[in-house]
Amino acid sequence: MTNGIGKTVEERSAYWKERIAEHERSGMSVQQFCEERGVTEQSFYVWRKRLRKQEPPRFALVETGAAGQTARKAGLELLLVTGERLQIGADVDATLLRRVLEALHG
């Protein structure tokens, strides 16, 4: 697997986007992931930070309530670009929600 050296900025960005997404799906620690892929943790963290700054988090409103689904308090569910879902109940503490969204924004 190539480490992105000698590539254009766009190619390196695409390479690291895929590695970071792969890490998020892997469930491994950053250290273990980087060791197995032959990349440095420093490069991983630099690129992750750089790519997070380029792309603000994107959310999609997902409506729930399909037949057979158990009823729950009205709220919302955010579908993250990583495919993960963030369910937020109507009774969520506003301060806590603000902290979570700030953490997601990076």
PDB file of N, CA and C in Angstrom:
ATOM      1  N   MET A   1       0.857  -1.190   0.000  1.00  0.00           N
ATOM      2  CA  MET A   1       0.000   0.000   0.000  1.00  0.00           C
ATOM      3  C   MET A   1       0.892   1.238   0.000  1.00  0.00           C
ATOM      4  N   THR A   2       0.590   2.183  -0.807  1.00  0.00           N
ATOM      5  CA  THR A   2       1.386   3.405  -0.912  1.00  0.00           C
ATOM      6  C   THR A   2       1.121   4.332   0.261  1.00  0.00           C
ATOM      7  N   ASN A   3       2.110   5.130   0.616  1.00  0.00           N
ATOM      8  CA  ASN A   3       1.928   6.060   1.728  1.00  0.00           C
ATOM      9  C   ASN A   3       1.607   7.469   1.262  1.00  0.00           C
ATOM     10  N   GLY A   4       1.458   7.674  -0.022  1.00  0.00           N
ATOM     11  CA  GLY A   4       1.058   8.985  -0.521  1.00  0.00           C
ATOM     12  C   GLY A   4       2.208   9.910  -0.856  1.00  0.00           C
ATOM     13  N   ILE A   5       3.457   9.468  -0.655  1.00  0.00           N
ATOM     14  CA  ILE A   5       4.607  10.321  -0.961  1.00  0.00           C
ATOM     15  C   ILE A   5       4.739  10.457  -2.474  1.00  0.00           C
ATOM     16  N   GLY A   6       5.027  11.679  -2.952  1.00  0.00           N
ATOM     17  CA  GLY A   6       5.197  11.932  -4.375  1.00  0.00           C
ATOM     18  C   GLY A   6       3.886  12.116  -5.117  1.00  0.00           C
ATOM     19  N   LYS A   7       2.827  12.289  -4.395  1.00  0.00           N
ATOM     20  CA  LYS A   7       1.500  12.453  -4.993  1.00  0.00           C
ATOM     21  C   LYS A   7       1.083  13.914  -4.909  1.00  0.00           C
ATOM     22  N   THR A   8       0.054  14.263  -5.668  1.00  0.00           N
ATOM     23  CA  THR A   8      -0.487  15.613  -5.574  1.00  0.00           C
ATOM     24  C   THR A   8      -1.229  15.764  -4.250  1.00  0.00           C
ATOM     25  N   VAL A   9      -1.522  16.994  -3.878  1.00  0.00           N
ATOM     26  CA  VAL A   9      -2.256  17.252  -2.643  1.00  0.00           C
ATOM     27  C   VAL A   9      -3.612  16.551  -2.691  1.00  0.00           C
ATOM     28  N   GLU A  10      -4.269  16.594  -3.836  1.00  0.00           N
ATOM     29  CA  GLU A  10      -5.574  15.946  -3.977  1.00  0.00           C
ATOM     30  C   GLU A  10      -5.462  14.442  -3.786  1.00  0.00           C
ATOM     31  N   GLU A  11      -4.429  13.840  -4.339  1.00  0.00           N
ATOM     32  CA  GLU A  11      -4.230  12.394  -4.196  1.00  0.00           C
ATOM     33  C   GLU A  11      -3.926  12.025  -2.747  1.00  0.00           C
ATOM     34  N   ARG A  12      -3.089  12.839  -2.090  1.00  0.00           N
ATOM     35  CA  ARG A  12      -2.784  12.576  -0.673  1.00  0.00           C
ATOM     36  C   ARG A  12      -4.027  12.749   0.184  1.00  0.00           C
ATOM     37  N   SER A  13      -4.816  13.782  -0.120  1.00  0.00           N
ATOM     38  CA  SER A  13      -6.059  13.998   0.628  1.00  0.00           C
ATOM     39  C   SER A  13      -6.991  12.805   0.474  1.00  0.00           C
ATOM     40  N   ALA A  14      -7.141  12.315  -0.747  1.00  0.00           N
ATOM     41  CA  ALA A  14      -8.007  11.159  -0.996  1.00  0.00           C
ATOM     42  C   ALA A  14      -7.483   9.920  -0.271  1.00  0.00           C
ATOM     43  N   TYR A  15      -6.167   9.736  -0.301  1.00  0.00           N
ATOM     44  CA  TYR A  15      -5.536   8.603   0.388  1.00  0.00           C
ATOM     45  C   TYR A  15      -5.851   8.654   1.875  1.00  0.00           C
ATOM     46  N   TRP A  16      -5.633   9.815   2.485  1.00  0.00           N
ATOM     47  CA  TRP A  16      -5.835   9.931   3.926  1.00  0.00           C
ATOM     48  C   TRP A  16      -7.308   9.915   4.304  1.00  0.00           C
ATOM     49  N   LYS A  17      -8.159  10.436   3.466  1.00  0.00           N
ATOM     50  CA  LYS A  17      -9.607  10.344   3.728  1.00  0.00           C
ATOM     51  C   LYS A  17     -10.014   8.890   3.855  1.00  0.00           C
ATOM     52  N   GLU A  18      -9.528   8.084   2.942  1.00  0.00           N
ATOM     53  CA  GLU A  18      -9.861   6.658   2.965  1.00  0.00           C
ATOM     54  C   GLU A  18      -9.241   5.970   4.184  1.00  0.00           C
ATOM     55  N   ARG A  19      -7.987   6.289   4.519  1.00  0.00           N
ATOM     56  CA  ARG A  19      -7.358   5.664   5.692  1.00  0.00           C
ATOM     57  C   ARG A  19      -8.116   6.032   6.972  1.00  0.00           C
ATOM     58  N   ILE A  20      -8.513   7.292   7.083  1.00  0.00           N
ATOM     59  CA  ILE A  20      -9.208   7.746   8.295  1.00  0.00           C
ATOM     60  C   ILE A  20     -10.582   7.082   8.388  1.00  0.00           C
ATOM     61  N   ALA A  21     -11.286   6.986   7.283  1.00  0.00           N
ATOM     62  CA  ALA A  21     -12.583   6.297   7.276  1.00  0.00           C
ATOM     63  C   ALA A  21     -12.397   4.816   7.614  1.00  0.00           C
ATOM     64  N   GLU A  22     -11.340   4.233   7.079  1.00  0.00           N
ATOM     65  CA  GLU A  22     -11.026   2.828   7.353  1.00  0.00           C
ATOM     66  C   GLU A  22     -10.752   2.641   8.847  1.00  0.00           C
ATOM     67  N   HIS A  23     -10.007   3.564   9.439  1.00  0.00           N
ATOM     68  CA  HIS A  23      -9.730   3.487  10.876  1.00  0.00           C
ATOM     69  C   HIS A  23     -11.012   3.563  11.681  1.00  0.00           C
ATOM     70  N   GLU A  24     -11.906   4.485  11.324  1.00  0.00           N
ATOM     71  CA  GLU A  24     -13.157   4.646  12.068  1.00  0.00           C
ATOM     72  C   GLU A  24     -13.997   3.372  12.021  1.00  0.00           C
ATOM     73  N   ARG A  25     -13.946   2.659  10.913  1.00  0.00           N
ATOM     74  CA  ARG A  25     -14.702   1.409  10.787  1.00  0.00           C
ATOM     75  C   ARG A  25     -14.017   0.246  11.495  1.00  0.00           C
ATOM     76  N   SER A  26     -12.704   0.359  11.710  1.00  0.00           N
ATOM     77  CA  SER A  26     -11.917  -0.776  12.193  1.00  0.00           C
ATOM     78  C   SER A  26     -12.108  -1.102  13.672  1.00  0.00           C
ATOM     79  N   GLY A  27     -12.391  -0.101  14.483  1.00  0.00           N
ATOM     80  CA  GLY A  27     -12.488  -0.329  15.921  1.00  0.00           C
ATOM     81  C   GLY A  27     -11.130  -0.450  16.601  1.00  0.00           C
ATOM     82  N   MET A  28     -10.051  -0.244  15.858  1.00  0.00           N
ATOM     83  CA  MET A  28      -8.694  -0.335  16.414  1.00  0.00           C
ATOM     84  C   MET A  28      -8.266   0.994  17.009  1.00  0.00           C
ATOM     85  N   SER A  29      -7.260   0.922  17.853  1.00  0.00           N
ATOM     86  CA  SER A  29      -6.642   2.158  18.331  1.00  0.00           C
ATOM     87  C   SER A  29      -5.870   2.767  17.162  1.00  0.00           C
ATOM     88  N   VAL A  30      -5.602   4.069  17.253  1.00  0.00           N
ATOM     89  CA  VAL A  30      -4.831   4.734  16.193  1.00  0.00           C
ATOM     90  C   VAL A  30      -3.451   4.092  16.096  1.00  0.00           C
ATOM     91  N   GLN A  31      -2.839   3.810  17.237  1.00  0.00           N
ATOM     92  CA  GLN A  31      -1.501   3.216  17.237  1.00  0.00           C
ATOM     93  C   GLN A  31      -1.482   1.880  16.496  1.00  0.00           C
ATOM     94  N   GLN A  32      -2.407   0.990  16.834  1.00  0.00           N
ATOM     95  CA  GLN A  32      -2.469  -0.321  16.189  1.00  0.00           C
ATOM     96  C   GLN A  32      -2.756  -0.189  14.698  1.00  0.00           C
ATOM     97  N   PHE A  33      -3.705   0.671  14.351  1.00  0.00           N
ATOM     98  CA  PHE A  33      -4.066   0.877  12.953  1.00  0.00           C
ATOM     99  C   PHE A  33      -2.856   1.348  12.144  1.00  0.00           C
ATOM    100  N   CYS A  34      -2.156   2.360  12.668  1.00  0.00           N
ATOM    101  CA  CYS A  34      -1.002   2.915  11.951  1.00  0.00           C
ATOM    102  C   CYS A  34       0.118   1.895  11.810  1.00  0.00           C
ATOM    103  N   GLU A  35       0.362   1.126  12.867  1.00  0.00           N
ATOM    104  CA  GLU A  35       1.403   0.096  12.790  1.00  0.00           C
ATOM    105  C   GLU A  35       1.081  -0.925  11.706  1.00  0.00           C
ATOM    106  N   GLU A  36      -0.179  -1.366  11.653  1.00  0.00           N
ATOM    107  CA  GLU A  36      -0.567  -2.365  10.656  1.00  0.00           C
ATOM    108  C   GLU A  36      -0.512  -1.824   9.231  1.00  0.00           C
ATOM    109  N   ARG A  37      -0.693  -0.513   9.067  1.00  0.00           N
ATOM    110  CA  ARG A  37      -0.710   0.083   7.730  1.00  0.00           C
ATOM    111  C   ARG A  37       0.648   0.673   7.335  1.00  0.00           C
ATOM    112  N   GLY A  38       1.574   0.710   8.270  1.00  0.00           N
ATOM    113  CA  GLY A  38       2.896   1.251   7.962  1.00  0.00           C
ATOM    114  C   GLY A  38       2.922   2.755   7.800  1.00  0.00           C
ATOM    115  N   VAL A  39       2.050   3.456   8.551  1.00  0.00           N
ATOM    116  CA  VAL A  39       2.041   4.916   8.526  1.00  0.00           C
ATOM    117  C   VAL A  39       2.309   5.421   9.937  1.00  0.00           C
ATOM    118  N   THR A  40       2.796   6.643  10.037  1.00  0.00           N
ATOM    119  CA  THR A  40       3.095   7.187  11.360  1.00  0.00           C
ATOM    120  C   THR A  40       1.837   7.767  11.991  1.00  0.00           C
ATOM    121  N   GLU A  41       1.783   7.673  13.313  1.00  0.00           N
ATOM    122  CA  GLU A  41       0.664   8.267  14.037  1.00  0.00           C
ATOM    123  C   GLU A  41       0.635   9.779  13.814  1.00  0.00           C
ATOM    124  N   GLN A  42       1.804  10.390  13.756  1.00  0.00           N
ATOM    125  CA  GLN A  42       1.875  11.833  13.549  1.00  0.00           C
ATOM    126  C   GLN A  42       1.192  12.220  12.234  1.00  0.00           C
ATOM    127  N   SER A  43       1.497  11.489  11.158  1.00  0.00           N
ATOM    128  CA  SER A  43       0.865  11.776   9.872  1.00  0.00           C
ATOM    129  C   SER A  43      -0.640  11.565   9.944  1.00  0.00           C
ATOM    130  N   PHE A  44      -1.055  10.496  10.612  1.00  0.00           N
ATOM    131  CA  PHE A  44      -2.474  10.213  10.757  1.00  0.00           C
ATOM    132  C   PHE A  44      -3.183  11.378  11.426  1.00  0.00           C
ATOM    133  N   TYR A  45      -2.658  11.839  12.564  1.00  0.00           N
ATOM    134  CA  TYR A  45      -3.298  12.922  13.307  1.00  0.00           C
ATOM    135  C   TYR A  45      -3.275  14.246  12.539  1.00  0.00           C
ATOM    136  N   VAL A  46      -2.172  14.529  11.858  1.00  0.00           N
ATOM    137  CA  VAL A  46      -2.079  15.767  11.072  1.00  0.00           C
ATOM    138  C   VAL A  46      -3.134  15.770   9.973  1.00  0.00           C
ATOM    139  N   TRP A  47      -3.236  14.662   9.243  1.00  0.00           N
ATOM    140  CA  TRP A  47      -4.204  14.595   8.157  1.00  0.00           C
ATOM    141  C   TRP A  47      -5.640  14.576   8.667  1.00  0.00           C
ATOM    142  N   ARG A  48      -5.884  13.887   9.771  1.00  0.00           N
ATOM    143  CA  ARG A  48      -7.245  13.869  10.311  1.00  0.00           C
ATOM    144  C   ARG A  48      -7.689  15.272  10.692  1.00  0.00           C
ATOM    145  N   LYS A  49      -6.797  16.008  11.335  1.00  0.00           N
ATOM    146  CA  LYS A  49      -7.127  17.385  11.723  1.00  0.00           C
ATOM    147  C   LYS A  49      -7.326  18.255  10.480  1.00  0.00           C
ATOM    148  N   ARG A  50      -6.433  18.124   9.508  1.00  0.00           N
ATOM    149  CA  ARG A  50      -6.521  18.918   8.279  1.00  0.00           C
ATOM    150  C   ARG A  50      -7.838  18.644   7.543  1.00  0.00           C
ATOM    151  N   LEU A  51      -8.199  17.390   7.421  1.00  0.00           N
ATOM    152  CA  LEU A  51      -9.418  17.035   6.693  1.00  0.00           C
ATOM    153  C   LEU A  51     -10.670  17.443   7.450  1.00  0.00           C
ATOM    154  N   ARG A  52     -10.639  17.398   8.761  1.00  0.00           N
ATOM    155  CA  ARG A  52     -11.793  17.844   9.544  1.00  0.00           C
ATOM    156  C   ARG A  52     -12.018  19.342   9.392  1.00  0.00           C
ATOM    157  N   LYS A  53     -10.943  20.100   9.264  1.00  0.00           N
ATOM    158  CA  LYS A  53     -11.073  21.549   9.077  1.00  0.00           C
ATOM    159  C   LYS A  53     -11.666  21.875   7.712  1.00  0.00           C
ATOM    160  N   GLN A  54     -11.358  21.052   6.706  1.00  0.00           N
ATOM    161  CA  GLN A  54     -11.840  21.296   5.349  1.00  0.00           C
ATOM    162  C   GLN A  54     -13.330  21.032   5.219  1.00  0.00           C
ATOM    163  N   GLU A  55     -13.825  20.045   5.925  1.00  0.00           N
ATOM    164  CA  GLU A  55     -15.213  19.641   5.753  1.00  0.00           C
ATOM    165  C   GLU A  55     -15.984  19.783   7.050  1.00  0.00           C
ATOM    166  N   PRO A  56     -16.902  20.734   7.097  1.00  0.00           N
ATOM    167  CA  PRO A  56     -17.740  20.827   8.291  1.00  0.00           C
ATOM    168  C   PRO A  56     -18.621  19.592   8.363  1.00  0.00           C
ATOM    169  N   PRO A  57     -19.012  19.193   9.560  1.00  0.00           N
ATOM    170  CA  PRO A  57     -19.866  18.011   9.640  1.00  0.00           C
ATOM    171  C   PRO A  57     -21.165  18.218   8.867  1.00  0.00           C
ATOM    172  N   ARG A  58     -21.597  17.175   8.203  1.00  0.00           N
ATOM    173  CA  ARG A  58     -22.844  17.229   7.452  1.00  0.00           C
ATOM    174  C   ARG A  58     -23.827  16.288   8.121  1.00  0.00           C
ATOM    175  N   PHE A  59     -25.046  16.739   8.240  1.00  0.00           N
ATOM    176  CA  PHE A  59     -26.066  15.948   8.882  1.00  0.00           C
ATOM    177  C   PHE A  59     -27.250  15.792   7.946  1.00  0.00           C
ATOM    178  N   ALA A  60     -27.955  14.708   8.102  1.00  0.00           N
ATOM    179  CA  ALA A  60     -29.194  14.493   7.358  1.00  0.00           C
ATOM    180  C   ALA A  60     -30.277  14.162   8.369  1.00  0.00           C
ATOM    181  N   LEU A  61     -31.412  14.789   8.251  1.00  0.00           N
ATOM    182  CA  LEU A  61     -32.526  14.513   9.135  1.00  0.00           C
ATOM    183  C   LEU A  61     -33.161  13.205   8.693  1.00  0.00           C
ATOM    184  N   VAL A  62     -33.272  12.275   9.615  1.00  0.00           N
ATOM    185  CA  VAL A  62     -33.852  10.977   9.319  1.00  0.00           C
ATOM    186  C   VAL A  62     -35.140  10.851  10.101  1.00  0.00           C
ATOM    187  N   GLU A  63     -36.245  10.666   9.396  1.00  0.00           N
ATOM    188  CA  GLU A  63     -37.526  10.510  10.072  1.00  0.00           C
ATOM    189  C   GLU A  63     -37.696   9.058  10.466  1.00  0.00           C
ATOM    190  N   THR A  64     -38.195   8.849  11.684  1.00  0.00           N
ATOM    191  CA  THR A  64     -38.424   7.495  12.164  1.00  0.00           C
ATOM    192  C   THR A  64     -39.913   7.291  12.375  1.00  0.00           C
ATOM    193  N   GLY A  65     -40.267   6.106  12.764  1.00  0.00           N
ATOM    194  CA  GLY A  65     -41.659   5.827  13.049  1.00  0.00           C
ATOM    195  C   GLY A  65     -42.265   4.837  12.074  1.00  0.00           C
ATOM    196  N   ALA A  66     -41.444   4.010  11.459  1.00  0.00           N
ATOM    197  CA  ALA A  66     -41.952   3.000  10.532  1.00  0.00           C
ATOM    198  C   ALA A  66     -42.827   2.008  11.282  1.00  0.00           C
ATOM    199  N   ALA A  67     -43.708   1.355  10.572  1.00  0.00           N
ATOM    200  CA  ALA A  67     -44.617   0.390  11.180  1.00  0.00           C
ATOM    201  C   ALA A  67     -43.828  -0.670  11.937  1.00  0.00           C
ATOM    202  N   GLY A  68     -44.313  -1.016  13.127  1.00  0.00           N
ATOM    203  CA  GLY A  68     -43.656  -2.042  13.933  1.00  0.00           C
ATOM    204  C   GLY A  68     -42.549  -1.504  14.818  1.00  0.00           C
ATOM    205  N   GLN A  69     -42.212  -0.248  14.673  1.00  0.00           N
ATOM    206  CA  GLN A  69     -41.154   0.340  15.478  1.00  0.00           C
ATOM    207  C   GLN A  69     -41.749   0.787  16.808  1.00  0.00           C
ATOM    208  N   THR A  70     -41.006   0.604  17.879  1.00  0.00           N
ATOM    209  CA  THR A  70     -41.515   1.008  19.174  1.00  0.00           C
ATOM    210  C   THR A  70     -41.552   2.521  19.262  1.00  0.00           C
ATOM    211  N   ALA A  71     -42.572   3.022  19.906  1.00  0.00           N
ATOM    212  CA  ALA A  71     -42.729   4.472  20.049  1.00  0.00           C
ATOM    213  C   ALA A  71     -41.722   4.990  21.057  1.00  0.00           C
ATOM    214  N   ARG A  72     -41.220   6.164  20.837  1.00  0.00           N
ATOM    215  CA  ARG A  72     -40.332   6.819  21.788  1.00  0.00           C
ATOM    216  C   ARG A  72     -40.609   8.301  21.754  1.00  0.00           C
ATOM    217  N   LYS A  73     -40.083   8.991  22.741  1.00  0.00           N
ATOM    218  CA  LYS A  73     -40.317  10.429  22.803  1.00  0.00           C
ATOM    219  C   LYS A  73     -39.856  11.088  21.512  1.00  0.00           C
ATOM    220  N   ALA A  74     -40.591  12.081  21.087  1.00  0.00           N
ATOM    221  CA  ALA A  74     -40.240  12.801  19.858  1.00  0.00           C
ATOM    222  C   ALA A  74     -38.844  13.395  20.013  1.00  0.00           C
ATOM    223  N   GLY A  75     -38.093  13.342  18.983  1.00  0.00           N
ATOM    224  CA  GLY A  75     -36.740  13.873  18.971  1.00  0.00           C
ATOM    225  C   GLY A  75     -36.245  13.864  17.548  1.00  0.00           C
ATOM    226  N   LEU A  76     -34.947  13.742  17.390  1.00  0.00           N
ATOM    227  CA  LEU A  76     -34.410  13.651  16.045  1.00  0.00           C
ATOM    228  C   LEU A  76     -33.243  12.709  16.014  1.00  0.00           C
ATOM    229  N   GLU A  77     -32.900  12.295  14.837  1.00  0.00           N
ATOM    230  CA  GLU A  77     -31.791  11.387  14.631  1.00  0.00           C
ATOM    231  C   GLU A  77     -30.919  11.982  13.538  1.00  0.00           C
ATOM    232  N   LEU A  78     -29.636  12.118  13.816  1.00  0.00           N
ATOM    233  CA  LEU A  78     -28.695  12.633  12.827  1.00  0.00           C
ATOM    234  C   LEU A  78     -27.937  11.466  12.218  1.00  0.00           C
ATOM    235  N   LEU A  79     -27.841  11.460  10.914  1.00  0.00           N
ATOM    236  CA  LEU A  79     -27.051  10.466  10.211  1.00  0.00           C
ATOM    237  C   LEU A  79     -25.736  11.135   9.828  1.00  0.00           C
ATOM    238  N   LEU A  80     -24.647  10.664  10.429  1.00  0.00           N
ATOM    239  CA  LEU A  80     -23.338  11.254  10.171  1.00  0.00           C
ATOM    240  C   LEU A  80     -22.782  10.730   8.858  1.00  0.00           C
ATOM    241  N   VAL A  81     -21.865  11.454   8.252  1.00  0.00           N
ATOM    242  CA  VAL A  81     -21.289  11.044   6.971  1.00  0.00           C
ATOM    243  C   VAL A  81     -20.547   9.715   7.088  1.00  0.00           C
ATOM    244  N   THR A  82     -20.177   9.328   8.292  1.00  0.00           N
ATOM    245  CA  THR A  82     -19.509   8.045   8.514  1.00  0.00           C
ATOM    246  C   THR A  82     -20.494   6.895   8.504  1.00  0.00           C
ATOM    247  N   GLY A  83     -21.815   7.217   8.463  1.00  0.00           N
ATOM    248  CA  GLY A  83     -22.837   6.188   8.487  1.00  0.00           C
ATOM    249  C   GLY A  83     -23.398   5.954   9.881  1.00  0.00           C
ATOM    250  N   GLU A  84     -22.773   6.542  10.884  1.00  0.00           N
ATOM    251  CA  GLU A  84     -23.253   6.386  12.249  1.00  0.00           C
ATOM    252  C   GLU A  84     -24.481   7.257  12.464  1.00  0.00           C
ATOM    253  N   ARG A  85     -25.320   6.840  13.396  1.00  0.00           N
ATOM    254  CA  ARG A  85     -26.540   7.580  13.717  1.00  0.00           C
ATOM    255  C   ARG A  85     -26.439   8.131  15.127  1.00  0.00           C
ATOM    256  N   LEU A  86     -26.870   9.354  15.295  1.00  0.00           N
ATOM    257  CA  LEU A  86     -26.890  10.005  16.598  1.00  0.00           C
ATOM    258  C   LEU A  86     -28.345  10.309  16.918  1.00  0.00           C
ATOM    259  N   GLN A  87     -28.895   9.605  17.901  1.00  0.00           N
ATOM    260  CA  GLN A  87     -30.283   9.806  18.281  1.00  0.00           C
ATOM    261  C   GLN A  87     -30.347  10.793  19.432  1.00  0.00           C
ATOM    262  N   ILE A  88     -31.201  11.786  19.295  1.00  0.00           N
ATOM    263  CA  ILE A  88     -31.328  12.845  20.293  1.00  0.00           C
ATOM    264  C   ILE A  88     -32.791  12.914  20.713  1.00  0.00           C
ATOM    265  N   GLY A  89     -33.044  12.619  21.977  1.00  0.00           N
ATOM    266  CA  GLY A  89     -34.403  12.659  22.502  1.00  0.00           C
ATOM    267  C   GLY A  89     -34.864  14.084  22.706  1.00  0.00           C
ATOM    268  N   ALA A  90     -36.173  14.263  22.746  1.00  0.00           N
ATOM    269  CA  ALA A  90     -36.753  15.597  22.918  1.00  0.00           C
ATOM    270  C   ALA A  90     -36.392  16.191  24.273  1.00  0.00           C
ATOM    271  N   ASP A  91     -36.090  15.344  25.248  1.00  0.00           N
ATOM    272  CA  ASP A  91     -35.795  15.833  26.593  1.00  0.00           C
ATOM    273  C   ASP A  91     -34.296  16.018  26.861  1.00  0.00           C
ATOM    274  N   VAL A  92     -33.494  16.085  25.801  1.00  0.00           N
ATOM    275  CA  VAL A  92     -32.051  16.226  25.967  1.00  0.00           C
ATOM    276  C   VAL A  92     -31.714  17.583  26.591  1.00  0.00           C
ATOM    277  N   ASP A  93     -30.687  17.589  27.415  1.00  0.00           N
ATOM    278  CA  ASP A  93     -30.196  18.820  28.022  1.00  0.00           C
ATOM    279  C   ASP A  93     -29.508  19.653  26.934  1.00  0.00           C
ATOM    280  N   ALA A  94     -29.915  20.897  26.773  1.00  0.00           N
ATOM    281  CA  ALA A  94     -29.393  21.763  25.704  1.00  0.00           C
ATOM    282  C   ALA A  94     -27.888  21.957  25.815  1.00  0.00           C
ATOM    283  N   THR A  95     -27.373  22.069  27.041  1.00  0.00           N
ATOM    284  CA  THR A  95     -25.930  22.253  27.236  1.00  0.00           C
ATOM    285  C   THR A  95     -25.172  21.018  26.773  1.00  0.00           C
ATOM    286  N   LEU A  96     -25.681  19.844  27.113  1.00  0.00           N
ATOM    287  CA  LEU A  96     -25.045  18.603  26.697  1.00  0.00           C
ATOM    288  C   LEU A  96     -25.065  18.463  25.175  1.00  0.00           C
ATOM    289  N   LEU A  97     -26.196  18.774  24.567  1.00  0.00           N
ATOM    290  CA  LEU A  97     -26.299  18.707  23.111  1.00  0.00           C
ATOM    291  C   LEU A  97     -25.300  19.645  22.449  1.00  0.00           C
ATOM    292  N   ARG A  98     -25.152  20.845  22.972  1.00  0.00           N
ATOM    293  CA  ARG A  98     -24.194  21.816  22.439  1.00  0.00           C
ATOM    294  C   ARG A  98     -22.774  21.248  22.519  1.00  0.00           C
ATOM    295  N   ARG A  99     -22.421  20.611  23.632  1.00  0.00           N
ATOM    296  CA  ARG A  99     -21.085  20.031  23.786  1.00  0.00           C
ATOM    297  C   ARG A  99     -20.839  18.918  22.773  1.00  0.00           C
ATOM    298  N   VAL A 100     -21.848  18.067  22.584  1.00  0.00           N
ATOM    299  CA  VAL A 100     -21.711  16.974  21.623  1.00  0.00           C
ATOM    300  C   VAL A 100     -21.505  17.522  20.219  1.00  0.00           C
ATOM    301  N   LEU A 101     -22.297  18.505  19.836  1.00  0.00           N
ATOM    302  CA  LEU A 101     -22.170  19.073  18.491  1.00  0.00           C
ATOM    303  C   LEU A 101     -20.835  19.786  18.312  1.00  0.00           C
ATOM    304  N   GLU A 102     -20.352  20.453  19.344  1.00  0.00           N
ATOM    305  CA  GLU A 102     -19.030  21.088  19.257  1.00  0.00           C
ATOM    306  C   GLU A 102     -17.943  20.043  19.111  1.00  0.00           C
ATOM    307  N   ALA A 103     -18.066  18.932  19.817  1.00  0.00           N
ATOM    308  CA  ALA A 103     -17.072  17.851  19.708  1.00  0.00           C
ATOM    309  C   ALA A 103     -17.089  17.253  18.306  1.00  0.00           C
ATOM    310  N   LEU A 104     -18.263  17.079  17.726  1.00  0.00           N
ATOM    311  CA  LEU A 104     -18.366  16.556  16.379  1.00  0.00           C
ATOM    312  C   LEU A 104     -17.767  17.509  15.353  1.00  0.00           C
ATOM    313  N   HIS A 105     -17.925  18.788  15.603  1.00  0.00           N
ATOM    314  CA  HIS A 105     -17.396  19.793  14.670  1.00  0.00           C
ATOM    315  C   HIS A 105     -15.890  19.818  14.705  1.00  0.00           C
ATOM    316  N   GLY A 106     -15.297  19.372  15.823  1.00  0.00           N
ATOM    317  CA  GLY A 106     -13.849  19.256  15.940  1.00  0.00           C
ATOM    318  C   GLY A 106     -13.202  20.525  16.279  1.00  0.00           C
TER     319      GLY A 106
END
